C-alpha atoms as a PDB file:
ATOM      1  CA  UNK A   1       1.319  13.334 -28.407  1.00  0.00           C
ATOM      2  CA  UNK A   2      -1.750  12.647 -26.299  1.00  0.00           C
ATOM      3  CA  UNK A   3      -0.862   9.512 -24.335  1.00  0.00           C
ATOM      4  CA  UNK A   4       2.027   7.566 -22.896  1.00  0.00           C
ATOM      5  CA  UNK A   5       3.028   4.490 -24.929  1.00  0.00           C
ATOM      6  CA  UNK A   6       3.116   2.369 -21.750  1.00  0.00           C
ATOM      7  CA  UNK A   7       1.782   2.629 -18.200  1.00  0.00           C
ATOM      8  CA  UNK A   8       4.992   1.343 -16.578  1.00  0.00           C
ATOM      9  CA  UNK A   9       7.637   4.013 -15.988  1.00  0.00           C
ATOM     10  CA  UNK A  10      10.544   1.670 -16.699  1.00  0.00           C
ATOM     11  CA  UNK A  11       9.088   0.619 -20.069  1.00  0.00           C
ATOM     12  CA  UNK A  12       9.436   4.164 -21.438  1.00  0.00           C
ATOM     13  CA  UNK A  13      12.469   5.740 -23.054  1.00  0.00           C
ATOM     14  CA  UNK A  14      14.098   9.130 -22.544  1.00  0.00           C
ATOM     15  CA  UNK A  15      12.555  10.131 -25.899  1.00  0.00           C
ATOM     16  CA  UNK A  16       9.066   9.583 -24.480  1.00  0.00           C
ATOM     17  CA  UNK A  17       9.653  12.171 -21.757  1.00  0.00           C
ATOM     18  CA  UNK A  18      11.446  14.595 -24.070  1.00  0.00           C
ATOM     19  CA  UNK A  19       8.621  14.469 -26.606  1.00  0.00           C
ATOM     20  CA  UNK A  20       6.091  15.442 -23.919  1.00  0.00           C
ATOM     21  CA  UNK A  21       8.121  18.152 -22.171  1.00  0.00           C
ATOM     22  CA  UNK A  22       5.889  21.059 -21.179  1.00  0.00           C
ATOM     23  CA  UNK A  23       2.704  19.276 -22.264  1.00  0.00           C
ATOM     24  CA  UNK A  24      -0.581  19.195 -20.368  1.00  0.00           C
ATOM     25  CA  UNK A  25      -0.253  15.401 -20.318  1.00  0.00           C
ATOM     26  CA  UNK A  26       3.033  15.600 -18.429  1.00  0.00           C
ATOM     27  CA  UNK A  27       1.606  18.160 -16.011  1.00  0.00           C
ATOM     28  CA  UNK A  28      -1.422  15.980 -15.212  1.00  0.00           C
ATOM     29  CA  UNK A  29       0.370  12.615 -15.048  1.00  0.00           C
ATOM     30  CA  UNK A  30       0.397  10.898 -11.653  1.00  0.00           C
ATOM     31  CA  UNK A  31       3.527   8.893 -10.876  1.00  0.00           C
ATOM     32  CA  UNK A  32       2.543   6.004  -8.596  1.00  0.00           C
ATOM     33  CA  UNK A  33       5.294   4.587  -6.374  1.00  0.00           C
ATOM     34  CA  UNK A  34       4.129   1.187  -5.042  1.00  0.00           C
ATOM     35  CA  UNK A  35       5.424   0.381  -1.558  1.00  0.00           C
ATOM     36  CA  UNK A  36       5.582  -3.086  -0.028  1.00  0.00           C
ATOM     37  CA  UNK A  37       7.708  -5.014   2.431  1.00  0.00           C
ATOM     38  CA  UNK A  38       9.480  -8.335   2.923  1.00  0.00           C
ATOM     39  CA  UNK A  39       8.621  -9.474   6.425  1.00  0.00           C
ATOM     40  CA  UNK A  40       7.140 -12.309   8.425  1.00  0.00           C
ATOM     41  CA  UNK A  41       3.373 -12.787   8.406  1.00  0.00           C
ATOM     42  CA  UNK A  42       2.850 -15.499  10.977  1.00  0.00           C
ATOM     43  CA  UNK A  43       3.311 -19.214  10.376  1.00  0.00           C
ATOM     44  CA  UNK A  44       0.854 -19.448   7.478  1.00  0.00           C
ATOM     45  CA  UNK A  45       1.761 -16.652   5.051  1.00  0.00           C
ATOM     46  CA  UNK A  46       4.884 -15.853   2.993  1.00  0.00           C
ATOM     47  CA  UNK A  47       7.237 -12.922   3.456  1.00  0.00           C
ATOM     48  CA  UNK A  48       5.944 -11.209   0.299  1.00  0.00           C
ATOM     49  CA  UNK A  49       2.416 -10.450   1.557  1.00  0.00           C
ATOM     50  CA  UNK A  50       2.627  -6.656   1.570  1.00  0.00           C
ATOM     51  CA  UNK A  51       4.382  -6.492  -1.792  1.00  0.00           C
ATOM     52  CA  UNK A  52       1.922  -8.973  -3.301  1.00  0.00           C
ATOM     53  CA  UNK A  53      -1.043  -6.947  -2.047  1.00  0.00           C
ATOM     54  CA  UNK A  54       0.341  -3.707  -3.449  1.00  0.00           C
ATOM     55  CA  UNK A  55       1.042  -5.283  -6.832  1.00  0.00           C
ATOM     56  CA  UNK A  56      -2.313  -7.092  -6.901  1.00  0.00           C
ATOM     57  CA  UNK A  57      -4.244  -3.897  -6.281  1.00  0.00           C
ATOM     58  CA  UNK A  58      -2.125  -2.001  -8.824  1.00  0.00           C
ATOM     59  CA  UNK A  59      -2.931  -4.688 -11.417  1.00  0.00           C
ATOM     60  CA  UNK A  60      -6.650  -4.520 -10.561  1.00  0.00           C
ATOM     61  CA  UNK A  61      -6.537  -0.748 -10.913  1.00  0.00           C
ATOM     62  CA  UNK A  62      -4.844  -1.028 -14.301  1.00  0.00           C
ATOM     63  CA  UNK A  63      -7.410  -3.516 -15.560  1.00  0.00           C
ATOM     64  CA  UNK A  64     -10.169  -1.055 -14.697  1.00  0.00           C
ATOM     65  CA  UNK A  65      -8.159   1.835 -16.141  1.00  0.00           C
ATOM     66  CA  UNK A  66      -7.830  -0.028 -19.458  1.00  0.00           C
ATOM     67  CA  UNK A  67     -11.588  -0.592 -19.543  1.00  0.00           C
ATOM     68  CA  UNK A  68     -12.212   3.159 -19.499  1.00  0.00           C
ATOM     69  CA  UNK A  69     -12.494   5.206 -22.650  1.00  0.00           C
ATOM     70  CA  UNK A  70      -9.101   6.660 -23.532  1.00  0.00           C
ATOM     71  CA  UNK A  71     -10.457  10.212 -23.349  1.00  0.00           C
ATOM     72  CA  UNK A  72     -11.372   9.924 -19.655  1.00  0.00           C
ATOM     73  CA  UNK A  73      -8.449   7.884 -18.331  1.00  0.00           C
ATOM     74  CA  UNK A  74      -6.241   9.778 -15.884  1.00  0.00           C
ATOM     75  CA  UNK A  75      -2.644   9.810 -17.169  1.00  0.00           C
ATOM     76  CA  UNK A  76      -0.517   7.649 -14.910  1.00  0.00           C
ATOM     77  CA  UNK A  77       2.886   6.012 -14.733  1.00  0.00           C
ATOM     78  CA  UNK A  78       3.587   3.223 -12.251  1.00  0.00           C
ATOM     79  CA  UNK A  79       7.151   2.995 -10.969  1.00  0.00           C
ATOM     80  CA  UNK A  80       8.946  -0.209  -9.874  1.00  0.00           C
ATOM     81  CA  UNK A  81       7.582  -1.616  -6.618  1.00  0.00           C
ATOM     82  CA  UNK A  82       9.748  -1.050  -3.539  1.00  0.00           C
ATOM     83  CA  UNK A  83       9.637  -4.516  -2.011  1.00  0.00           C
ATOM     84  CA  UNK A  84      11.770  -3.877   1.085  1.00  0.00           C
ATOM     85  CA  UNK A  85      10.530  -1.206   3.447  1.00  0.00           C
ATOM     86  CA  UNK A  86      10.690  -0.104   7.079  1.00  0.00           C
ATOM     87  CA  UNK A  87       9.974  -3.244   9.140  1.00  0.00           C
ATOM     88  CA  UNK A  88      12.010  -3.156  12.386  1.00  0.00           C
ATOM     89  CA  UNK A  89       8.976  -4.356  14.366  1.00  0.00           C
ATOM     90  CA  UNK A  90       9.247  -7.749  12.657  1.00  0.00           C
ATOM     91  CA  UNK A  91      13.006  -8.320  12.829  1.00  0.00           C
ATOM     92  CA  UNK A  92      12.747 -10.786  15.718  1.00  0.00           C
ATOM     93  CA  UNK A  93      11.262 -13.233  13.193  1.00  0.00           C
ATOM     94  CA  UNK A  94      13.526 -15.016  10.708  1.00  0.00           C
ATOM     95  CA  UNK A  95      13.316 -13.969   7.071  1.00  0.00           C
ATOM     96  CA  UNK A  96      12.331 -10.359   7.670  1.00  0.00           C
ATOM     97  CA  UNK A  97      14.268  -7.748   5.683  1.00  0.00           C
ATOM     98  CA  UNK A  98      14.186  -4.133   6.797  1.00  0.00           C
ATOM     99  CA  UNK A  99      15.818  -0.888   5.788  1.00  0.00           C
ATOM    100  CA  UNK A 100      16.614   1.779   8.361  1.00  0.00           C
ATOM    101  CA  UNK A 101      14.391   4.843   8.502  1.00  0.00           C
ATOM    102  CA  UNK A 102      17.227   7.025   7.197  1.00  0.00           C
ATOM    103  CA  UNK A 103      17.783   4.675   4.250  1.00  0.00           C
ATOM    104  CA  UNK A 104      14.086   4.608   3.356  1.00  0.00           C
ATOM    105  CA  UNK A 105      13.845   8.388   3.567  1.00  0.00           C
ATOM    106  CA  UNK A 106      16.879   8.802   1.326  1.00  0.00           C
ATOM    107  CA  UNK A 107      15.780   6.125  -1.155  1.00  0.00           C
ATOM    108  CA  UNK A 108      12.226   7.331  -1.673  1.00  0.00           C
ATOM    109  CA  UNK A 109      13.312  10.952  -1.754  1.00  0.00           C
ATOM    110  CA  UNK A 110      15.921  10.140  -4.413  1.00  0.00           C
ATOM    111  CA  UNK A 111      13.245   8.420  -6.500  1.00  0.00           C
ATOM    112  CA  UNK A 112      11.087  11.517  -6.122  1.00  0.00           C
ATOM    113  CA  UNK A 113      13.988  13.680  -7.280  1.00  0.00           C
ATOM    114  CA  UNK A 114      14.176  11.613 -10.459  1.00  0.00           C
ATOM    115  CA  UNK A 115      10.435  11.968 -10.993  1.00  0.00           C
ATOM    116  CA  UNK A 116      10.715  15.742 -10.665  1.00  0.00           C
ATOM    117  CA  UNK A 117      13.714  15.898 -12.996  1.00  0.00           C
ATOM    118  CA  UNK A 118      11.668  14.069 -15.623  1.00  0.00           C
ATOM    119  CA  UNK A 119       8.998  16.763 -15.539  1.00  0.00           C
ATOM    120  CA  UNK A 120       6.244  14.869 -13.698  1.00  0.00           C
ATOM    121  CA  UNK A 121       4.716  17.008 -10.929  1.00  0.00           C
ATOM    122  CA  UNK A 122       2.296  14.633  -9.148  1.00  0.00           C
ATOM    123  CA  UNK A 123       3.210  11.628  -7.015  1.00  0.00           C
ATOM    124  CA  UNK A 124       1.174   9.020  -5.154  1.00  0.00           C
ATOM    125  CA  UNK A 125       2.966   6.778  -2.666  1.00  0.00           C
ATOM    126  CA  UNK A 126       0.751   3.672  -2.564  1.00  0.00           C
ATOM    127  CA  UNK A 127       1.417   1.370   0.356  1.00  0.00           C
ATOM    128  CA  UNK A 128       0.353  -1.946   1.927  1.00  0.00           C
ATOM    129  CA  UNK A 129       2.596  -2.099   5.015  1.00  0.00           C
ATOM    130  CA  UNK A 130       1.591  -0.364   8.231  1.00  0.00           C
ATOM    131  CA  UNK A 131       5.199   0.181   9.255  1.00  0.00           C
ATOM    132  CA  UNK A 132       5.823   2.314   6.157  1.00  0.00           C
ATOM    133  CA  UNK A 133       3.178   4.895   7.027  1.00  0.00           C
ATOM    134  CA  UNK A 134       5.209   7.144   9.329  1.00  0.00           C
ATOM    135  CA  UNK A 135       8.127   7.273   6.887  1.00  0.00           C
ATOM    136  CA  UNK A 136       5.774   7.778   3.945  1.00  0.00           C
ATOM    137  CA  UNK A 137       4.337  10.882   5.638  1.00  0.00           C
ATOM    138  CA  UNK A 138       7.815  12.376   6.026  1.00  0.00           C
ATOM    139  CA  UNK A 139       8.802  11.623   2.440  1.00  0.00           C
ATOM    140  CA  UNK A 140       5.634  13.243   1.115  1.00  0.00           C
ATOM    141  CA  UNK A 141       6.559  16.483   2.876  1.00  0.00           C
ATOM    142  CA  UNK A 142      10.166  16.258   1.711  1.00  0.00           C
ATOM    143  CA  UNK A 143       9.103  15.883  -1.908  1.00  0.00           C
ATOM    144  CA  UNK A 144       6.803  18.882  -1.585  1.00  0.00           C
ATOM    145  CA  UNK A 145       9.468  21.014   0.095  1.00  0.00           C
ATOM    146  CA  UNK A 146      12.530  20.024  -1.915  1.00  0.00           C
ATOM    147  CA  UNK A 147      11.067  19.354  -5.347  1.00  0.00           C
ATOM    148  CA  UNK A 148       7.749  21.196  -5.458  1.00  0.00           C
ATOM    149  CA  UNK A 149       5.814  17.981  -6.102  1.00  0.00           C
ATOM    150  CA  UNK A 150       2.165  17.471  -5.292  1.00  0.00           C
ATOM    151  CA  UNK A 151       2.601  14.346  -3.175  1.00  0.00           C
ATOM    152  CA  UNK A 152       0.045  12.113  -1.492  1.00  0.00           C
ATOM    153  CA  UNK A 153       0.482   8.954   0.558  1.00  0.00           C
ATOM    154  CA  UNK A 154      -2.212   6.294   0.699  1.00  0.00           C
ATOM    155  CA  UNK A 155      -2.436   2.809   2.173  1.00  0.00           C
ATOM    156  CA  UNK A 156      -4.860   0.266   0.756  1.00  0.00           C
ATOM    157  CA  UNK A 157      -6.362  -0.435   4.182  1.00  0.00           C
ATOM    158  CA  UNK A 158      -7.473   3.206   4.475  1.00  0.00           C
ATOM    159  CA  UNK A 159      -9.402   3.245   1.207  1.00  0.00           C
ATOM    160  CA  UNK A 160     -13.221   3.177   1.450  1.00  0.00           C
ATOM    161  CA  UNK A 161     -14.854  -0.247   1.435  1.00  0.00           C
ATOM    162  CA  UNK A 162     -18.024  -1.333  -0.290  1.00  0.00           C
ATOM    163  CA  UNK A 163     -21.208  -2.347   1.500  1.00  0.00           C
ATOM    164  CA  UNK A 164     -20.660  -5.893   0.222  1.00  0.00           C
ATOM    165  CA  UNK A 165     -17.262  -6.085   1.920  1.00  0.00           C
ATOM    166  CA  UNK A 166     -18.628  -4.495   5.088  1.00  0.00           C
ATOM    167  CA  UNK A 167     -21.293  -7.192   5.237  1.00  0.00           C
ATOM    168  CA  UNK A 168     -18.572  -9.858   5.246  1.00  0.00           C
ATOM    169  CA  UNK A 169     -16.566  -8.129   7.992  1.00  0.00           C
ATOM    170  CA  UNK A 170     -16.935  -7.579  11.715  1.00  0.00           C
ATOM    171  CA  UNK A 171     -15.854  -4.718  13.934  1.00  0.00           C
ATOM    172  CA  UNK A 172     -13.668  -6.894  16.176  1.00  0.00           C
ATOM    173  CA  UNK A 173     -11.555  -8.209  13.301  1.00  0.00           C
ATOM    174  CA  UNK A 174     -11.415  -4.785  11.653  1.00  0.00           C
ATOM    175  CA  UNK A 175      -9.904  -3.337  14.820  1.00  0.00           C
ATOM    176  CA  UNK A 176      -7.648  -6.126  16.054  1.00  0.00           C
ATOM    177  CA  UNK A 177      -6.854  -8.159  12.918  1.00  0.00           C
ATOM    178  CA  UNK A 178      -3.951  -5.909  12.005  1.00  0.00           C
ATOM    179  CA  UNK A 179      -1.368  -8.384  10.697  1.00  0.00           C
ATOM    180  CA  UNK A 180      -1.776 -11.689   8.840  1.00  0.00           C
ATOM    181  CA  UNK A 181      -5.394 -11.848   9.959  1.00  0.00           C
ATOM    182  CA  UNK A 182      -8.541 -12.425   7.941  1.00  0.00           C
ATOM    183  CA  UNK A 183      -8.122  -9.739   5.292  1.00  0.00           C
ATOM    184  CA  UNK A 184      -4.459 -10.281   4.419  1.00  0.00           C
ATOM    185  CA  UNK A 185      -4.934 -14.049   4.424  1.00  0.00           C
ATOM    186  CA  UNK A 186      -8.025 -13.725   2.227  1.00  0.00           C
ATOM    187  CA  UNK A 187      -6.165 -11.581  -0.297  1.00  0.00           C
ATOM    188  CA  UNK A 188      -3.281 -14.040  -0.456  1.00  0.00           C
ATOM    189  CA  UNK A 189      -5.710 -16.951  -0.881  1.00  0.00           C
ATOM    190  CA  UNK A 190      -7.003 -15.077  -3.925  1.00  0.00           C
ATOM    191  CA  UNK A 191      -3.724 -13.797  -5.367  1.00  0.00           C
ATOM    192  CA  UNK A 192      -1.312 -16.644  -4.553  1.00  0.00           C
ATOM    193  CA  UNK A 193      -3.114 -19.594  -2.926  1.00  0.00           C
ATOM    194  CA  UNK A 194      -0.103 -21.827  -3.463  1.00  0.00           C
ATOM    195  CA  UNK A 195       1.848 -19.692  -0.970  1.00  0.00           C
ATOM    196  CA  UNK A 196      -0.739 -19.950   1.828  1.00  0.00           C
ATOM    197  CA  UNK A 197      -0.442 -22.759   4.400  1.00  0.00           C
ATOM    198  CA  UNK A 198      -3.962 -22.760   5.844  1.00  0.00           C
ATOM    199  CA  UNK A 199      -3.123 -25.737   8.060  1.00  0.00           C
ATOM    200  CA  UNK A 200      -1.141 -23.264  10.184  1.00  0.00           C
ATOM    201  CA  UNK A 201      -3.808 -20.555  10.165  1.00  0.00           C
ATOM    202  CA  UNK A 202      -5.384 -19.738  13.516  1.00  0.00           C
ATOM    203  CA  UNK A 203      -7.476 -17.143  15.247  1.00  0.00           C
ATOM    204  CA  UNK A 204      -4.399 -15.247  16.423  1.00  0.00           C
ATOM    205  CA  UNK A 205      -5.501 -13.242  19.459  1.00  0.00           C
ATOM    206  CA  UNK A 206      -3.862  -9.882  20.069  1.00  0.00           C
ATOM    207  CA  UNK A 207      -2.637  -8.502  23.376  1.00  0.00           C
ATOM    208  CA  UNK A 208      -4.257  -5.226  22.365  1.00  0.00           C
ATOM    209  CA  UNK A 209      -7.609  -6.903  23.027  1.00  0.00           C
ATOM    210  CA  UNK A 210      -6.642  -7.236  26.693  1.00  0.00           C
ATOM    211  CA  UNK A 211      -5.568  -3.603  26.881  1.00  0.00           C
ATOM    212  CA  UNK A 212      -8.869  -2.548  25.311  1.00  0.00           C
ATOM    213  CA  UNK A 213     -10.760  -4.416  28.007  1.00  0.00           C
ATOM    214  CA  UNK A 214      -8.591  -3.179  30.892  1.00  0.00           C
ATOM    215  CA  UNK A 215      -7.581   0.429  30.154  1.00  0.00           C
ATOM    216  CA  UNK A 216      -9.686   3.403  29.090  1.00  0.00           C
ATOM    217  CA  UNK A 217      -6.859   5.364  27.429  1.00  0.00           C
ATOM    218  CA  UNK A 218      -4.191   2.786  26.625  1.00  0.00           C
ATOM    219  CA  UNK A 219      -6.860   0.557  25.162  1.00  0.00           C
ATOM    220  CA  UNK A 220      -8.967   2.926  23.081  1.00  0.00           C
ATOM    221  CA  UNK A 221      -6.691   2.783  20.035  1.00  0.00           C
ATOM    222  CA  UNK A 222      -6.424   6.584  19.780  1.00  0.00           C
ATOM    223  CA  UNK A 223      -4.994   8.283  22.857  1.00  0.00           C
ATOM    224  CA  UNK A 224      -1.571   6.632  23.029  1.00  0.00           C
ATOM    225  CA  UNK A 225       0.531   4.667  20.558  1.00  0.00           C
ATOM    226  CA  UNK A 226       2.980   2.082  21.826  1.00  0.00           C
ATOM    227  CA  UNK A 227       6.445   1.646  20.330  1.00  0.00           C
ATOM    228  CA  UNK A 228       5.777  -2.007  19.669  1.00  0.00           C
ATOM    229  CA  UNK A 229       7.401  -5.117  18.291  1.00  0.00           C
ATOM    230  CA  UNK A 230       5.150  -7.707  16.676  1.00  0.00           C
ATOM    231  CA  UNK A 231       5.735 -10.261  19.432  1.00  0.00           C
ATOM    232  CA  UNK A 232       4.173  -7.756  21.855  1.00  0.00           C
ATOM    233  CA  UNK A 233       0.859  -8.483  20.158  1.00  0.00           C
ATOM    234  CA  UNK A 234       1.206 -12.211  19.552  1.00  0.00           C
ATOM    235  CA  UNK A 235       4.266 -14.487  19.920  1.00  0.00           C
ATOM    236  CA  UNK A 236       3.504 -16.125  16.553  1.00  0.00           C
ATOM    237  CA  UNK A 237       3.756 -12.819  14.700  1.00  0.00           C
ATOM    238  CA  UNK A 238       0.129 -12.557  13.607  1.00  0.00           C
ATOM    239  CA  UNK A 239      -2.991 -10.805  14.864  1.00  0.00           C
ATOM    240  CA  UNK A 240      -6.457 -11.660  13.577  1.00  0.00           C
ATOM    241  CA  UNK A 241      -8.671 -14.568  12.608  1.00  0.00           C
ATOM    242  CA  UNK A 242      -6.806 -16.045   9.661  1.00  0.00           C
ATOM    243  CA  UNK A 243      -8.980 -19.162   9.742  1.00  0.00           C
ATOM    244  CA  UNK A 244     -11.979 -17.121   8.602  1.00  0.00           C
ATOM    245  CA  UNK A 245     -10.264 -16.000   5.385  1.00  0.00           C
ATOM    246  CA  UNK A 246     -11.750 -16.913   2.002  1.00  0.00           C
ATOM    247  CA  UNK A 247     -10.480 -16.327  -1.506  1.00  0.00           C
ATOM    248  CA  UNK A 248     -13.855 -14.840  -2.460  1.00  0.00           C
ATOM    249  CA  UNK A 249     -13.485 -12.086   0.111  1.00  0.00           C
ATOM    250  CA  UNK A 250      -9.895 -11.568  -1.020  1.00  0.00           C
ATOM    251  CA  UNK A 251     -11.058 -11.001  -4.592  1.00  0.00           C
ATOM    252  CA  UNK A 252     -13.653  -8.471  -3.443  1.00  0.00           C
ATOM    253  CA  UNK A 253     -11.034  -6.623  -1.392  1.00  0.00           C
ATOM    254  CA  UNK A 254      -8.531  -6.442  -4.258  1.00  0.00           C
ATOM    255  CA  UNK A 255     -10.973  -5.455  -6.984  1.00  0.00           C
ATOM    256  CA  UNK A 256     -12.709  -2.792  -4.882  1.00  0.00           C
ATOM    257  CA  UNK A 257      -9.379  -1.374  -3.693  1.00  0.00           C
ATOM    258  CA  UNK A 258      -8.306  -1.198  -7.345  1.00  0.00           C
ATOM    259  CA  UNK A 259     -11.439   0.802  -8.128  1.00  0.00           C
ATOM    260  CA  UNK A 260     -10.822   3.186  -5.240  1.00  0.00           C
ATOM    261  CA  UNK A 261      -7.166   3.577  -6.204  1.00  0.00           C
ATOM    262  CA  UNK A 262      -8.151   4.526  -9.745  1.00  0.00           C
ATOM    263  CA  UNK A 263     -10.550   7.153  -8.427  1.00  0.00           C
ATOM    264  CA  UNK A 264      -7.815   8.509  -6.162  1.00  0.00           C
ATOM    265  CA  UNK A 265      -5.382   8.784  -9.078  1.00  0.00           C
ATOM    266  CA  UNK A 266      -8.036  10.549 -11.139  1.00  0.00           C
ATOM    267  CA  UNK A 267      -8.679  13.085  -8.365  1.00  0.00           C
ATOM    268  CA  UNK A 268      -4.954  13.771  -7.926  1.00  0.00           C
ATOM    269  CA  UNK A 269      -4.631  14.264 -11.681  1.00  0.00           C
ATOM    270  CA  UNK A 270      -7.474  16.792 -11.690  1.00  0.00           C
ATOM    271  CA  UNK A 271      -6.346  18.810  -8.644  1.00  0.00           C
ATOM    272  CA  UNK A 272      -4.972  22.218  -9.636  1.00  0.00           C
ATOM    273  CA  UNK A 273      -1.171  22.279  -9.290  1.00  0.00           C
ATOM    274  CA  UNK A 274       0.809  24.339  -8.620  1.00  0.00           C
ATOM    275  CA  UNK A 275      -1.616  26.253  -6.426  1.00  0.00           C
END
């Protein structure tokens, strides 16, 4: 058998894995674990932003994957999206749901154990929530140590951007628009415009802008990292110019991120493993 009958892990049967045991396909398959969150995003966006972004980019990636010739497609299986993550920095705002760090570590590691037991050796943790990053790094090492998996973590906001997107952006927003700002609002205006209340959108200024102007080390964004809660940046729970967001930019962001994600999956599939 040369291909999986479906790209979604949960749509397969035990027979599908058994029939491919020991095959090159199984060895090269990348299991993608999509990571989101359920947390406040200011007064204008819904709680599902991070999960919606992850799923939107996954769907864009799959559309581009389907358009490729079958012979060159990287083998992939996308697992169920984890829609509640590590979000303690937002718990002062109503509606936020957060797991503890120990719960997230155990949950994602247990999922990885199941991946390994099924014979898949490559895992990509694909994330859209900044608060998940530190835990994602630890899980990636756990899966390598405990299960011998080739494991990478990637967040959509760290993927390369096109020149067209760069032309629509500015350095100030790129640095300080870290939560419910222009980019996240633009993506939601594209993916789920009915969930966006633009009448509440503002240019939400961040306290980190003041630190950048006042302090050489505390304000350079590199030398020291504060243990912050979202209200430390803005009392409305957002940072960035949400008013500048357009659905057109959101579409560009999603489709280009989908392209970059597909390339990343292809590179992980081709990397020699085990070393």
